[in-house]
Amino acid sequence: MVRCRWLFLVFAVVVFVLAGCSAVPQKDAVKEVRICGAVDCVEAQPKHTVEQLLAEFQQLLTANDGEKAAICEADPKTRACKSEGICQFVLGGVIPGSGCAQSIAFRDTVLESQAHQINLKADMPLTFIGTKVSCVVAGGTLSVRSPDEISIELLPHFCNWMVVGNMSATFHFTVESIDLARGQIGGYWSHAISGTGNGSGTGYAVLKFPKALEPVQVSESKP
């Protein structure tokens, strides 16, 4: 019996290590951001400037203040959802399982034009093996460094599972596509927790906001 327990622990650790090795950040996978409409997607540059994109994101977040944006794992080529939520391998103490997120709600957004970012707060509920993980509201930013470099980042924030599991969670989302008419943002995510529970994962997902916006008409930027 003791030997079986040790074999189980070794197996769990090996799986965890392999999962960590495979969870390589994918932000470099985005070479250009695409603006999508009813028919197709076009390059964000040169028709959109940093200022225009920041204004559009602020409009989208303000319209959906406090509302849950659903998250789905998606195909990066078609941007079609494959499953609800995003999940990663987590070793909770000696218990291996899946840590998942189904939605994220942004609120209290503040546009910082000079810094090319929107300061925000986010509530991102998590579960571990189907049970709720309690997390505090996280601080974060939506940054538009250029029309082809847009990201959402949540700062490390405290989470607790079943009273005894204290952890710190982080989340990074590199935007690859924007569809304001459907209220959707596609991109590569990277999520990690550390503490009593440890795990990380990456993938491609789509954020679906309940309130969509009409696309803003823009003209080509002058050189």
Protein backbone atom coordinates (compact mmCIF):
# COMPACT_ATOMS: atom_id res chain seq x y z
CA MET A 1 0.00 0.00 0.00
CA VAL A 2 2.81 2.42 0.91
CA ARG A 3 4.59 1.61 -2.33
CA CYS A 4 1.41 2.31 -4.32
CA ARG A 5 1.04 5.67 -2.63
CA TRP A 6 4.62 6.60 -3.49
CA LEU A 7 4.13 5.52 -7.10
CA PHE A 8 0.99 7.66 -7.30
CA LEU A 9 2.86 10.68 -5.93
CA VAL A 10 5.76 10.18 -8.35
CA PHE A 11 3.31 9.88 -11.23
CA ALA A 12 1.50 13.07 -10.19
CA VAL A 13 4.76 15.02 -9.93
CA VAL A 14 5.93 13.79 -13.35
CA VAL A 15 2.63 14.79 -14.95
CA PHE A 16 2.84 18.20 -13.29
CA VAL A 17 6.40 18.77 -14.53
CA LEU A 18 5.48 17.74 -18.06
CA ALA A 19 2.45 20.02 -17.99
CA GLY A 20 4.63 22.91 -16.86
CA CYS A 21 7.12 22.26 -19.66
CA SER A 22 4.36 22.27 -22.26
CA ALA A 23 2.83 25.50 -20.94
CA VAL A 24 5.14 27.78 -22.90
CA PRO A 25 3.88 31.37 -23.20
CA GLN A 26 2.42 31.91 -26.67
CA LYS A 27 2.43 35.70 -26.92
CA ASP A 28 5.04 35.51 -29.71
CA ALA A 29 2.51 33.55 -31.79
CA VAL A 30 0.68 36.81 -32.57
CA LYS A 31 2.37 38.55 -35.49
CA GLU A 32 -0.55 40.80 -36.37
CA VAL A 33 -3.89 41.68 -34.81
CA ARG A 34 -6.95 41.17 -37.02
CA ILE A 35 -10.13 43.26 -37.01
CA CYS A 36 -13.05 40.99 -37.87
CA GLY A 37 -16.45 41.82 -39.34
CA ALA A 38 -19.44 39.98 -40.74
CA VAL A 39 -17.51 38.72 -43.77
CA ASP A 40 -13.80 38.48 -43.01
CA CYS A 41 -10.89 39.79 -40.95
CA VAL A 42 -8.38 42.45 -41.97
CA GLU A 43 -5.12 43.68 -40.48
CA ALA A 44 -5.44 46.26 -37.71
CA GLN A 45 -2.69 48.26 -39.32
CA PRO A 46 -2.71 50.74 -41.00
CA LYS A 47 -6.37 51.61 -40.52
CA HIS A 48 -6.35 51.65 -36.72
CA THR A 49 -4.14 53.69 -34.42
CA VAL A 50 -3.28 52.98 -30.80
CA GLU A 51 -5.61 55.80 -29.71
CA GLN A 52 -8.53 54.43 -31.73
CA LEU A 53 -8.09 50.91 -30.41
CA LEU A 54 -7.85 52.13 -26.82
CA ALA A 55 -11.07 54.11 -27.28
CA GLU A 56 -12.85 51.07 -28.75
CA PHE A 57 -11.72 48.79 -25.93
CA GLN A 58 -12.77 51.36 -23.35
CA GLN A 59 -16.18 51.59 -24.99
CA LEU A 60 -16.54 47.79 -24.99
CA LEU A 61 -15.46 47.41 -21.35
CA THR A 62 -17.64 50.29 -20.19
CA ALA A 63 -20.70 48.81 -21.91
CA ASN A 64 -19.99 45.49 -20.18
CA ASP A 65 -18.92 46.86 -16.79
CA GLY A 66 -19.31 44.07 -14.22
CA GLU A 67 -20.86 41.70 -16.78
CA LYS A 68 -19.47 38.18 -17.23
CA ALA A 69 -17.60 37.62 -20.47
CA ALA A 70 -17.71 33.90 -21.27
CA ILE A 71 -14.42 32.19 -22.07
CA CYS A 72 -14.19 29.29 -24.51
CA GLU A 73 -11.26 27.27 -25.76
CA ALA A 74 -11.17 27.90 -29.51
CA ASP A 75 -9.51 26.96 -32.78
CA PRO A 76 -6.89 29.66 -33.58
CA LYS A 77 -7.56 29.34 -37.32
CA THR A 78 -11.35 29.57 -37.32
CA ARG A 79 -11.84 31.20 -33.89
CA ALA A 80 -14.70 28.76 -33.36
CA CYS A 81 -15.28 27.53 -29.79
CA LYS A 82 -14.32 23.91 -29.10
CA SER A 83 -15.39 23.75 -25.46
CA GLU A 84 -16.69 25.94 -22.67
CA GLY A 85 -14.08 27.45 -20.39
CA ILE A 86 -10.32 26.98 -20.29
CA CYS A 87 -8.58 24.38 -18.13
CA GLN A 88 -5.08 23.46 -17.00
CA PHE A 89 -3.44 20.70 -14.97
CA VAL A 90 -3.12 21.58 -11.28
CA LEU A 91 -1.50 19.65 -8.44
CA GLY A 92 -3.49 20.64 -5.35
CA GLY A 93 -1.16 19.45 -2.60
CA VAL A 94 -0.97 15.76 -3.59
CA ILE A 95 -4.26 15.80 -5.51
CA PRO A 96 -3.94 16.10 -9.31
CA GLY A 97 -6.84 17.59 -11.25
CA SER A 98 -8.11 20.25 -13.63
CA GLY A 99 -8.27 23.92 -12.73
CA CYS A 100 -10.76 25.78 -14.93
CA ALA A 101 -12.18 29.23 -15.63
CA GLN A 102 -15.53 29.81 -17.35
CA SER A 103 -15.77 33.60 -17.39
CA ILE A 104 -14.18 36.90 -16.50
CA ALA A 105 -15.86 40.19 -15.53
CA PHE A 106 -14.09 43.54 -15.92
CA ARG A 107 -15.05 46.69 -14.02
CA ASP A 108 -13.78 50.05 -12.76
CA THR A 109 -11.88 50.77 -15.97
CA VAL A 110 -9.75 53.92 -16.19
CA LEU A 111 -8.23 55.02 -19.49
CA GLU A 112 -4.58 56.08 -19.23
CA SER A 113 -3.98 57.54 -22.69
CA GLN A 114 -0.36 58.54 -22.16
CA ALA A 115 0.54 55.07 -20.89
CA HIS A 116 -1.44 53.46 -23.76
CA GLN A 117 -3.38 51.30 -21.33
CA ILE A 118 -6.64 50.85 -19.47
CA ASN A 119 -6.37 50.14 -15.76
CA LEU A 120 -9.06 47.76 -14.58
CA LYS A 121 -10.28 45.27 -12.01
CA ALA A 122 -11.34 41.75 -12.88
CA ASP A 123 -13.27 38.93 -11.26
CA MET A 124 -12.17 35.58 -12.71
CA PRO A 125 -13.88 32.68 -10.85
CA LEU A 126 -11.94 29.40 -10.80
CA THR A 127 -12.74 25.78 -10.02
CA PHE A 128 -10.55 22.81 -9.10
CA ILE A 129 -11.89 19.31 -9.81
CA GLY A 130 -15.33 20.85 -10.10
CA THR A 131 -15.34 22.70 -6.76
CA LYS A 132 -15.23 26.46 -6.33
CA VAL A 133 -11.97 28.31 -5.76
CA SER A 134 -12.50 31.65 -4.02
CA CYS A 135 -10.38 34.43 -5.54
CA VAL A 136 -10.19 38.12 -4.68
CA VAL A 137 -10.83 40.73 -7.35
CA ALA A 138 -7.62 41.22 -9.33
CA GLY A 139 -6.05 44.43 -10.52
CA GLY A 140 -4.81 44.52 -14.08
CA THR A 141 -4.30 46.36 -17.34
CA LEU A 142 -5.31 46.22 -20.98
CA SER A 143 -2.32 47.55 -22.91
CA VAL A 144 -2.18 48.69 -26.54
CA ARG A 145 1.51 49.20 -27.27
CA SER A 146 0.86 49.14 -31.02
CA PRO A 147 -2.01 47.99 -33.28
CA ASP A 148 -0.26 44.60 -33.37
CA GLU A 149 0.68 44.36 -29.68
CA ILE A 150 -2.36 44.23 -27.41
CA SER A 151 -2.61 42.32 -24.15
CA ILE A 152 -4.67 41.90 -20.99
CA GLU A 153 -2.78 41.08 -17.80
CA LEU A 154 -4.09 40.37 -14.32
CA LEU A 155 -1.65 40.93 -11.48
CA PRO A 156 -0.95 38.14 -8.95
CA HIS A 157 -4.00 37.80 -6.70
CA PHE A 158 -4.97 35.58 -3.75
CA CYS A 159 -7.15 32.48 -4.16
CA ASN A 160 -8.29 29.86 -1.66
CA TRP A 161 -9.62 26.33 -2.15
CA MET A 162 -11.58 24.44 0.53
CA VAL A 163 -10.26 26.81 3.25
CA VAL A 164 -6.86 25.07 3.43
CA GLY A 165 -5.47 25.79 -0.04
CA ASN A 166 -3.89 29.23 -0.33
CA MET A 167 -2.59 30.22 -3.76
CA SER A 168 -1.57 33.14 -5.96
CA ALA A 169 -3.01 33.32 -9.50
CA THR A 170 -1.95 35.22 -12.63
CA PHE A 171 -3.51 35.55 -16.08
CA HIS A 172 -2.16 36.89 -19.38
CA PHE A 173 -4.10 37.21 -22.64
CA THR A 174 -2.45 38.29 -25.89
CA VAL A 175 -5.08 39.64 -28.29
CA GLU A 176 -5.04 38.21 -31.82
CA SER A 177 -8.45 39.28 -33.14
CA ILE A 178 -11.15 41.84 -32.36
CA ASP A 179 -14.80 41.57 -33.41
CA LEU A 180 -16.70 44.48 -31.90
CA ALA A 181 -19.91 43.75 -33.81
CA ARG A 182 -20.12 40.39 -32.04
CA GLY A 183 -18.47 41.51 -28.79
CA GLN A 184 -15.65 38.99 -29.11
CA ILE A 185 -11.90 39.07 -28.56
CA GLY A 186 -9.68 36.15 -29.56
CA GLY A 187 -6.14 35.45 -28.41
CA TYR A 188 -3.61 33.29 -26.61
CA TRP A 189 -3.99 32.82 -22.86
CA SER A 190 -1.50 31.90 -20.19
CA HIS A 191 -2.67 31.13 -16.64
CA ALA A 192 -0.73 29.99 -13.60
CA ILE A 193 -1.23 29.41 -9.88
CA SER A 194 1.34 28.79 -7.17
CA GLY A 195 1.18 27.93 -3.49
CA THR A 196 -0.71 24.98 -1.99
CA GLY A 197 -1.89 24.33 -5.53
CA ASN A 198 0.53 24.60 -8.45
CA GLY A 199 -0.16 24.54 -12.17
CA SER A 200 0.03 26.42 -15.43
CA GLY A 201 -1.38 26.22 -18.91
CA THR A 202 -1.72 28.02 -22.23
CA GLY A 203 -3.98 27.90 -25.25
CA TYR A 204 -6.17 29.90 -27.62
CA ALA A 205 -9.48 31.26 -26.39
CA VAL A 206 -12.28 33.66 -27.27
CA LEU A 207 -13.80 36.10 -24.79
CA LYS A 208 -17.51 36.65 -25.49
CA PHE A 209 -18.96 39.84 -24.00
CA PRO A 210 -22.75 39.95 -23.54
CA LYS A 211 -23.05 43.44 -25.07
CA ALA A 212 -21.57 43.96 -28.54
CA LEU A 213 -20.75 47.29 -30.17
CA GLU A 214 -21.11 48.73 -33.62
CA PRO A 215 -17.67 48.91 -35.27
CA VAL A 216 -16.17 52.38 -35.32
CA GLN A 217 -15.65 53.70 -38.85
CA VAL A 218 -12.04 54.79 -39.32
CA SER A 219 -9.97 56.06 -42.19
CA GLU A 220 -6.44 55.03 -43.03
CA SER A 221 -3.80 56.61 -40.83
CA LYS A 222 -1.66 59.25 -42.43
CA PRO A 223 2.05 58.44 -42.64
